[in-house]
């Protein structure tokens, strides 16, 4: 009687909702997939362009060259950070190329310290 009709109507409503929901999810998913594809393509184009630029730079300079470090010679004045964390002015007494260090004699202190050449700061 009346009972079974109601049940059928409820089932039908649900299936319609589910169908509509599935369709909208499907559309959203498609739109998302399309957007992802777009951004991926753009990214790949940008990467390719960047790679070309880098390759161009290297061949133009004849090999990847890093800027020359400031090179100090014996007798040069330079600053180095002492163990107390303060920068002091000193004179380069000797250089050990192999180790990449030099001995710096601090001005006015007469004490010497071995410092890495890369840690030397230009003199004031």
Protein backbone atom coordinates (compact mmCIF):
# COMPACT_ATOMS: atom_id res chain seq x y z
CA UNK A 1 0.00 0.00 0.00
CA UNK A 2 1.04 3.53 0.79
CA UNK A 3 4.13 2.39 2.69
CA UNK A 4 5.95 0.84 -0.27
CA UNK A 5 5.29 3.86 -2.49
CA UNK A 6 7.03 6.13 -0.01
CA UNK A 7 10.00 3.81 0.17
CA UNK A 8 10.35 3.79 -3.59
CA UNK A 9 10.16 7.57 -3.76
CA UNK A 10 12.90 7.88 -1.13
CA UNK A 11 15.19 5.49 -2.98
CA UNK A 12 14.60 7.31 -6.23
CA UNK A 13 15.40 10.68 -4.64
CA UNK A 14 18.62 9.34 -3.27
CA UNK A 15 19.76 7.88 -6.55
CA UNK A 16 19.03 11.18 -8.30
CA UNK A 17 21.07 13.03 -5.68
CA UNK A 18 23.91 10.56 -6.03
CA UNK A 19 23.81 10.89 -9.82
CA UNK A 20 23.87 14.69 -9.64
CA UNK A 21 26.65 14.59 -7.07
CA UNK A 22 28.72 12.22 -9.20
CA UNK A 23 28.33 14.47 -12.22
CA UNK A 24 29.41 17.60 -10.36
CA UNK A 25 32.37 15.78 -8.82
CA UNK A 26 33.28 14.50 -12.25
CA UNK A 27 33.19 18.02 -13.68
CA UNK A 28 35.25 19.39 -10.83
CA UNK A 29 37.78 16.64 -11.27
CA UNK A 30 38.02 17.32 -14.99
CA UNK A 31 38.50 21.03 -14.40
CA UNK A 32 41.19 20.29 -11.85
CA UNK A 33 42.94 17.87 -14.18
CA UNK A 34 42.87 20.47 -16.93
CA UNK A 35 44.27 23.15 -14.60
CA UNK A 36 47.04 20.83 -13.43
CA UNK A 37 47.95 19.98 -17.00
CA UNK A 38 48.13 23.69 -17.84
CA UNK A 39 50.36 24.56 -14.92
CA UNK A 40 52.58 21.55 -15.57
CA UNK A 41 53.04 22.55 -19.19
CA UNK A 42 53.88 26.11 -18.19
CA UNK A 43 56.34 24.88 -15.60
CA UNK A 44 58.03 22.61 -18.13
CA UNK A 45 58.33 25.48 -20.59
CA UNK A 46 59.85 27.70 -17.90
CA UNK A 47 62.29 24.96 -16.88
CA UNK A 48 63.35 24.43 -20.46
CA UNK A 49 63.89 28.16 -20.92
CA UNK A 50 65.89 28.37 -17.71
CA UNK A 51 68.03 25.39 -18.71
CA UNK A 52 68.77 27.00 -22.07
CA UNK A 53 69.77 30.26 -20.40
CA UNK A 54 72.14 28.47 -18.04
CA UNK A 55 73.68 26.50 -20.88
CA UNK A 56 74.09 29.72 -22.84
CA UNK A 57 75.85 31.46 -19.98
CA UNK A 58 78.33 28.65 -19.46
CA UNK A 59 79.32 28.40 -23.12
CA UNK A 60 79.59 32.20 -23.41
CA UNK A 61 82.15 32.45 -20.61
CA UNK A 62 84.02 29.37 -21.77
CA UNK A 63 83.27 27.21 -18.77
CA UNK A 64 81.58 27.99 -15.50
CA UNK A 65 83.91 30.40 -13.75
CA UNK A 66 83.37 31.61 -10.24
CA UNK A 67 84.38 35.18 -9.48
CA UNK A 68 88.00 35.46 -8.39
CA UNK A 69 88.33 35.42 -4.63
CA UNK A 70 90.21 38.32 -3.11
CA UNK A 71 93.75 36.99 -3.03
CA UNK A 72 96.13 38.11 -0.33
CA UNK A 73 99.90 38.11 -0.58
CA UNK A 74 102.56 38.01 2.10
CA UNK A 75 102.93 41.53 3.44
CA UNK A 76 99.32 42.44 2.71
CA UNK A 77 97.17 43.84 5.47
CA UNK A 78 93.95 42.00 6.18
CA UNK A 79 91.42 41.55 8.92
CA UNK A 80 90.48 38.31 10.58
CA UNK A 81 88.04 37.40 13.29
CA UNK A 82 90.00 36.47 16.40
CA UNK A 83 88.89 33.84 18.92
CA UNK A 84 87.09 36.56 20.89
CA UNK A 85 84.81 37.14 17.91
CA UNK A 86 86.22 40.59 17.13
CA UNK A 87 87.82 41.54 13.81
CA UNK A 88 91.43 42.65 14.11
CA UNK A 89 93.74 44.13 11.55
CA UNK A 90 96.90 42.18 10.83
CA UNK A 91 99.65 41.58 8.32
CA UNK A 92 99.98 38.37 6.32
CA UNK A 93 103.25 36.80 7.44
CA UNK A 94 103.11 33.61 5.43
CA UNK A 95 100.72 31.69 3.21
CA UNK A 96 100.21 27.95 3.01
CA UNK A 97 98.65 27.41 -0.43
CA UNK A 98 98.15 23.69 0.08
CA UNK A 99 96.19 24.09 3.29
CA UNK A 100 94.58 27.32 2.11
CA UNK A 101 95.66 29.10 5.26
CA UNK A 102 97.88 32.00 6.17
CA UNK A 103 99.56 33.27 9.29
CA UNK A 104 98.35 36.70 10.30
CA UNK A 105 100.29 38.85 12.75
CA UNK A 106 97.91 41.17 14.51
CA UNK A 107 98.96 44.81 14.50
CA UNK A 108 99.76 46.16 17.94
CA UNK A 109 99.48 42.71 19.53
CA UNK A 110 102.39 40.85 17.92
CA UNK A 111 100.53 37.57 18.31
CA UNK A 112 100.13 35.43 15.24
CA UNK A 113 97.26 33.22 14.24
CA UNK A 114 96.76 30.75 11.43
CA UNK A 115 93.58 31.60 9.60
CA UNK A 116 91.85 30.21 6.55
CA UNK A 117 92.43 32.41 3.52
CA UNK A 118 88.69 32.35 2.84
CA UNK A 119 88.09 33.81 6.30
CA UNK A 120 90.33 36.83 5.68
CA UNK A 121 88.53 40.15 5.35
CA UNK A 122 89.85 43.05 3.32
CA UNK A 123 91.88 45.51 5.35
CA UNK A 124 90.30 48.78 6.46
